[in-house]
Amino acid sequence: MRIFQSTNPKGLGKSAGEAAAPLIREAINSKGKANLILATGTSQFETISQLLNEGIDWSKVTVFHLDEYIGISITHPASFRKYLKERFVDKVEKLGEIHYINGENDPENECKRLASLIEGQVIDVAFVGIGENGHLAFNDPPADFDTKEPYLVVDLDVPCRKQQMNEGWFESLEDVPTQAISMSIQQIMKSAHIICSVPDERKAKAVKNCLEGKVSNMNPSSILQEHPSCSVYLDEASASLLTNALEK
């Protein structure tokens, strides 16, 4: 795992997007296509924006959705399908394919449908973040490190739900769903490359626990330490509690 503290004045997301673009182009050049996992949330704003400026042939790219709330329609302001459609899909010319998670479908059947789509696919680049509680996707602590199912129904803990409220996606804690469909830890870790973007001081404790602590399902993103090609992009605030020197 490589950890970078971005000095880019336009933000760590720009650095993350610039680093990911050659990996996507390499996959397209070598295989004729690329498979991506896209995360959502405030941590991904700049990364996705930069990707759109990289001149990638999106017609040769398939995107897999990372997570989505159960019971929320695509018109809800907090819907991650809405987020991806408005911030990415609608701005891309001729995207090859995107496999959304539909949180309005029967959850177990939706997990099976998604599993059938991703089974046997090599994910070239996965874009992820780290939650304030250390979650990876919506795998809150204690995360299931063992399941081989690509997607699963997960319970959202209170710190996770508070984060969603505090980021402005919901008006109150009661409005935040208590369950979601999430890509599993093992499925994320199968990706050839992982690009992790983590801005803001509110993530600093989780960053320290996950990047400098022991690998533990109580700090789910700590599993990234075991990935052979994971790059983590931090800003000064999110890196503020780290004790080890960082690449810049």
Protein backbone atom coordinates (compact mmCIF):
# COMPACT_ATOMS: atom_id res chain seq x y z
CA MET A 1 0.00 0.00 0.00
CA ARG A 2 1.28 3.44 -0.92
CA ILE A 3 0.04 6.51 0.96
CA PHE A 4 0.21 9.98 -0.55
CA GLN A 5 -0.48 13.34 1.02
CA SER A 6 -1.61 15.48 -1.87
CA THR A 7 -0.01 18.87 -2.29
CA ASN A 8 -2.11 19.54 -5.37
CA PRO A 9 -3.87 22.89 -4.90
CA LYS A 10 -6.93 21.48 -6.67
CA GLY A 11 -7.26 18.65 -4.16
CA LEU A 12 -6.36 15.05 -3.53
CA GLY A 13 -9.13 13.89 -5.86
CA LYS A 14 -7.28 15.43 -8.81
CA SER A 15 -4.16 13.48 -7.87
CA ALA A 16 -6.18 10.28 -7.46
CA GLY A 17 -7.88 10.71 -10.83
CA GLU A 18 -4.59 11.47 -12.58
CA ALA A 19 -3.05 8.33 -11.08
CA ALA A 20 -6.00 6.12 -12.03
CA ALA A 21 -6.34 7.23 -15.66
CA PRO A 22 -3.21 5.43 -16.97
CA LEU A 23 -4.36 2.22 -15.26
CA ILE A 24 -7.71 2.43 -17.05
CA ARG A 25 -6.08 3.18 -20.40
CA GLU A 26 -3.64 0.31 -19.92
CA ALA A 27 -6.53 -2.12 -19.36
CA ILE A 28 -8.29 -0.85 -22.48
CA ASN A 29 -5.13 -1.11 -24.56
CA SER A 30 -4.29 -4.63 -23.38
CA LYS A 31 -7.78 -6.18 -23.22
CA GLY A 32 -9.96 -3.89 -25.29
CA LYS A 33 -12.02 -2.95 -22.25
CA ALA A 34 -11.80 -1.95 -18.59
CA ASN A 35 -13.96 -2.78 -15.57
CA LEU A 36 -14.24 -0.23 -12.79
CA ILE A 37 -15.85 -0.01 -9.37
CA LEU A 38 -17.07 3.50 -8.58
CA ALA A 39 -17.71 4.79 -5.08
CA THR A 40 -19.88 7.77 -4.24
CA GLY A 41 -20.13 10.26 -1.36
CA THR A 42 -18.36 13.55 -0.80
CA SER A 43 -14.91 11.92 -0.83
CA GLN A 44 -15.28 11.09 -4.53
CA PHE A 45 -16.40 14.47 -5.92
CA GLU A 46 -12.96 15.58 -7.13
CA THR A 47 -11.80 12.11 -8.20
CA ILE A 48 -14.76 11.59 -10.51
CA SER A 49 -14.47 15.13 -11.83
CA GLN A 50 -10.83 14.52 -12.75
CA LEU A 51 -11.60 11.21 -14.44
CA LEU A 52 -14.01 13.02 -16.73
CA ASN A 53 -11.15 15.26 -17.88
CA GLU A 54 -8.72 12.44 -18.70
CA GLY A 55 -9.79 11.68 -22.26
CA ILE A 56 -10.66 8.05 -21.52
CA ASP A 57 -12.60 6.06 -24.11
CA TRP A 58 -15.58 5.40 -21.89
CA SER A 59 -17.33 3.31 -24.55
CA LYS A 60 -14.93 0.52 -23.59
CA VAL A 61 -15.58 0.79 -19.84
CA THR A 62 -18.02 -1.12 -17.64
CA VAL A 63 -18.81 0.32 -14.21
CA PHE A 64 -19.96 -1.63 -11.18
CA HIS A 65 -21.79 0.25 -8.43
CA LEU A 66 -20.26 -0.09 -4.94
CA ASP A 67 -23.21 0.36 -2.57
CA GLU A 68 -26.73 1.71 -2.23
CA TYR A 69 -29.34 2.24 0.48
CA ILE A 70 -32.24 -0.18 0.70
CA GLY A 71 -35.63 1.39 0.06
CA ILE A 72 -34.50 4.65 -1.53
CA SER A 73 -35.67 5.63 -5.00
CA ILE A 74 -33.35 6.98 -7.67
CA THR A 75 -35.04 10.38 -7.28
CA HIS A 76 -34.10 10.69 -3.58
CA PRO A 77 -31.35 13.30 -3.02
CA ALA A 78 -29.23 10.72 -1.15
CA SER A 79 -29.55 7.98 -3.78
CA PHE A 80 -26.16 6.80 -4.95
CA ARG A 81 -27.71 5.79 -8.28
CA LYS A 82 -28.79 9.43 -8.67
CA TYR A 83 -25.28 10.55 -7.66
CA LEU A 84 -23.58 8.35 -10.28
CA LYS A 85 -26.07 9.23 -13.00
CA GLU A 86 -25.82 12.98 -12.51
CA ARG A 87 -22.13 13.29 -11.64
CA PHE A 88 -20.72 10.66 -13.98
CA VAL A 89 -22.97 8.79 -16.40
CA ASP A 90 -24.77 11.83 -17.83
CA LYS A 91 -21.42 13.52 -18.43
CA VAL A 92 -19.77 10.61 -20.23
CA GLU A 93 -20.14 10.10 -23.96
CA LYS A 94 -21.18 6.53 -24.81
CA LEU A 95 -20.35 4.75 -21.56
CA GLY A 96 -19.98 1.05 -22.26
CA GLU A 97 -22.20 -0.18 -19.42
CA ILE A 98 -23.07 0.52 -15.80
CA HIS A 99 -24.54 -1.95 -13.35
CA TYR A 100 -26.46 0.03 -10.75
CA ILE A 101 -27.55 -1.40 -7.42
CA ASN A 102 -31.32 -1.03 -7.22
CA GLY A 103 -32.17 -0.60 -3.54
CA GLU A 104 -35.89 -0.76 -4.35
CA ASN A 105 -35.70 -4.38 -5.52
CA ASP A 106 -35.95 -7.33 -3.16
CA PRO A 107 -32.52 -7.11 -1.46
CA GLU A 108 -31.61 -10.81 -1.58
CA ASN A 109 -32.65 -11.12 -5.22
CA GLU A 110 -30.77 -7.94 -6.08
CA CYS A 111 -27.60 -9.34 -4.51
CA LYS A 112 -27.97 -12.47 -6.61
CA ARG A 113 -28.54 -10.43 -9.77
CA LEU A 114 -25.45 -8.34 -9.14
CA ALA A 115 -23.39 -11.41 -8.32
CA SER A 116 -24.27 -12.94 -11.68
CA LEU A 117 -23.07 -9.77 -13.43
CA ILE A 118 -19.71 -9.47 -11.67
CA GLU A 119 -18.89 -13.16 -11.46
CA GLY A 120 -15.79 -13.96 -13.49
CA GLN A 121 -15.09 -10.31 -14.25
CA VAL A 122 -11.65 -8.87 -13.56
CA ILE A 123 -11.96 -5.46 -11.94
CA ASP A 124 -9.13 -3.30 -13.20
CA VAL A 125 -9.54 -0.30 -10.88
CA ALA A 126 -11.71 0.13 -7.79
CA PHE A 127 -12.37 3.60 -6.41
CA VAL A 128 -13.16 3.61 -2.69
CA GLY A 129 -13.06 5.83 0.39
CA ILE A 130 -12.77 5.32 4.14
CA GLY A 131 -15.73 6.10 6.37
CA GLU A 132 -15.53 7.93 9.68
CA ASN A 133 -16.10 4.57 11.37
CA GLY A 134 -13.47 2.95 9.15
CA HIS A 135 -15.98 1.31 6.85
CA LEU A 136 -15.06 0.13 3.37
CA ALA A 137 -18.06 0.53 1.07
CA PHE A 138 -20.95 0.06 3.53
CA ASN A 139 -19.18 -2.72 5.42
CA ASP A 140 -19.40 -1.22 8.90
CA PRO A 141 -17.51 -2.72 11.88
CA PRO A 142 -17.42 -5.56 12.59
CA ALA A 143 -17.16 -6.17 8.86
CA ASP A 144 -17.44 -9.61 7.31
CA PHE A 145 -13.95 -10.32 5.98
CA ASP A 146 -14.80 -13.91 5.07
CA THR A 147 -17.91 -13.97 2.90
CA LYS A 148 -17.25 -14.83 -0.71
CA GLU A 149 -20.57 -13.38 -1.85
CA PRO A 150 -19.88 -10.38 -4.13
CA TYR A 151 -22.77 -8.33 -2.70
CA LEU A 152 -24.56 -8.55 0.61
CA VAL A 153 -27.21 -6.88 2.74
CA VAL A 154 -25.57 -4.94 5.58
CA ASP A 155 -26.78 -3.12 8.68
CA LEU A 156 -25.65 0.50 8.98
CA ASP A 157 -24.39 1.46 12.42
CA VAL A 158 -25.16 4.78 14.10
CA PRO A 159 -21.75 6.42 13.37
CA CYS A 160 -22.19 5.59 9.67
CA ARG A 161 -25.71 6.96 9.62
CA LYS A 162 -24.62 10.12 11.45
CA GLN A 163 -21.92 10.66 8.84
CA GLN A 164 -24.51 10.52 6.06
CA MET A 165 -26.68 13.03 7.91
CA ASN A 166 -23.79 15.38 8.73
CA GLU A 167 -22.69 15.38 5.10
CA GLY A 168 -26.09 16.79 4.22
CA TRP A 169 -27.64 13.81 2.47
CA PHE A 170 -30.47 13.53 5.03
CA GLU A 171 -32.25 16.01 7.28
CA SER A 172 -32.26 13.81 10.39
CA LEU A 173 -30.78 10.57 11.69
CA GLU A 174 -34.22 8.98 11.56
CA ASP A 175 -34.30 9.61 7.80
CA VAL A 176 -31.14 7.60 7.17
CA PRO A 177 -31.88 3.98 6.21
CA THR A 178 -30.68 1.29 8.56
CA GLN A 179 -29.71 -1.15 5.81
CA ALA A 180 -27.94 -1.11 2.47
CA ILE A 181 -26.65 -3.38 -0.25
CA SER A 182 -22.87 -3.30 -0.35
CA MET A 183 -20.11 -4.91 -2.35
CA SER A 184 -18.28 -7.28 -0.04
CA ILE A 185 -14.77 -6.85 1.30
CA GLN A 186 -13.46 -9.88 -0.58
CA GLN A 187 -14.95 -8.67 -3.86
CA ILE A 188 -13.32 -5.25 -3.48
CA MET A 189 -9.98 -6.87 -2.64
CA LYS A 190 -10.06 -8.88 -5.89
CA SER A 191 -9.52 -5.65 -7.84
CA ALA A 192 -6.21 -5.36 -9.68
CA HIS A 193 -5.73 -1.79 -8.43
CA ILE A 194 -7.45 0.20 -5.69
CA ILE A 195 -7.51 4.00 -5.55
CA CYS A 196 -8.66 5.28 -2.15
CA SER A 197 -9.51 8.97 -1.68
CA VAL A 198 -9.95 10.27 1.88
CA PRO A 199 -10.31 14.02 2.52
CA ASP A 200 -11.16 16.00 5.66
CA GLU A 201 -10.14 16.13 9.31
CA ARG A 202 -13.23 14.18 10.38
CA LYS A 203 -11.64 11.12 8.72
CA ALA A 204 -8.25 11.53 10.45
CA LYS A 205 -8.86 9.06 13.29
CA ALA A 206 -10.19 6.40 10.94
CA VAL A 207 -7.24 6.96 8.61
CA LYS A 208 -4.78 6.43 11.45
CA ASN A 209 -6.57 3.33 12.75
CA CYS A 210 -6.92 1.77 9.30
CA LEU A 211 -3.54 2.64 7.81
CA GLU A 212 -1.25 2.37 10.84
CA GLY A 213 -3.16 -0.04 13.10
CA LYS A 214 -3.49 -3.80 12.89
CA VAL A 215 -5.70 -5.32 10.23
CA SER A 216 -9.03 -5.86 11.95
CA ASN A 217 -12.67 -6.13 10.97
CA MET A 218 -13.33 -3.48 13.63
CA ASN A 219 -11.47 -1.09 11.30
CA PRO A 220 -12.69 -2.52 8.00
CA SER A 221 -10.55 -0.40 5.69
CA SER A 222 -7.44 -1.72 7.42
CA ILE A 223 -7.74 -4.68 5.03
CA LEU A 224 -6.38 -2.38 2.33
CA GLN A 225 -2.95 -2.85 3.93
CA GLU A 226 -2.96 -6.36 2.45
CA HIS A 227 -3.72 -5.34 -1.13
CA PRO A 228 -0.73 -5.55 -3.51
CA SER A 229 -1.63 -2.40 -5.47
CA CYS A 230 -3.51 0.08 -3.32
CA SER A 231 -2.82 3.82 -3.37
CA VAL A 232 -4.36 6.04 -0.69
CA TYR A 233 -4.69 9.78 -1.30
CA LEU A 234 -4.99 12.05 1.73
CA ASP A 235 -4.98 15.77 2.34
CA GLU A 236 -3.21 17.54 5.19
CA ALA A 237 -6.26 17.29 7.44
CA SER A 238 -7.02 13.60 6.94
CA ALA A 239 -3.31 12.75 7.35
CA SER A 240 -2.88 14.89 10.47
CA LEU A 241 -2.76 12.01 12.97
CA LEU A 242 -0.39 9.74 11.04
CA THR A 243 3.06 9.24 12.50
CA ASN A 244 4.85 7.73 9.50
CA ALA A 245 6.30 9.78 6.66
CA LEU A 246 4.12 10.01 3.56
CA GLU A 247 4.90 10.27 -0.13
CA LYS A 248 3.99 13.61 -1.64
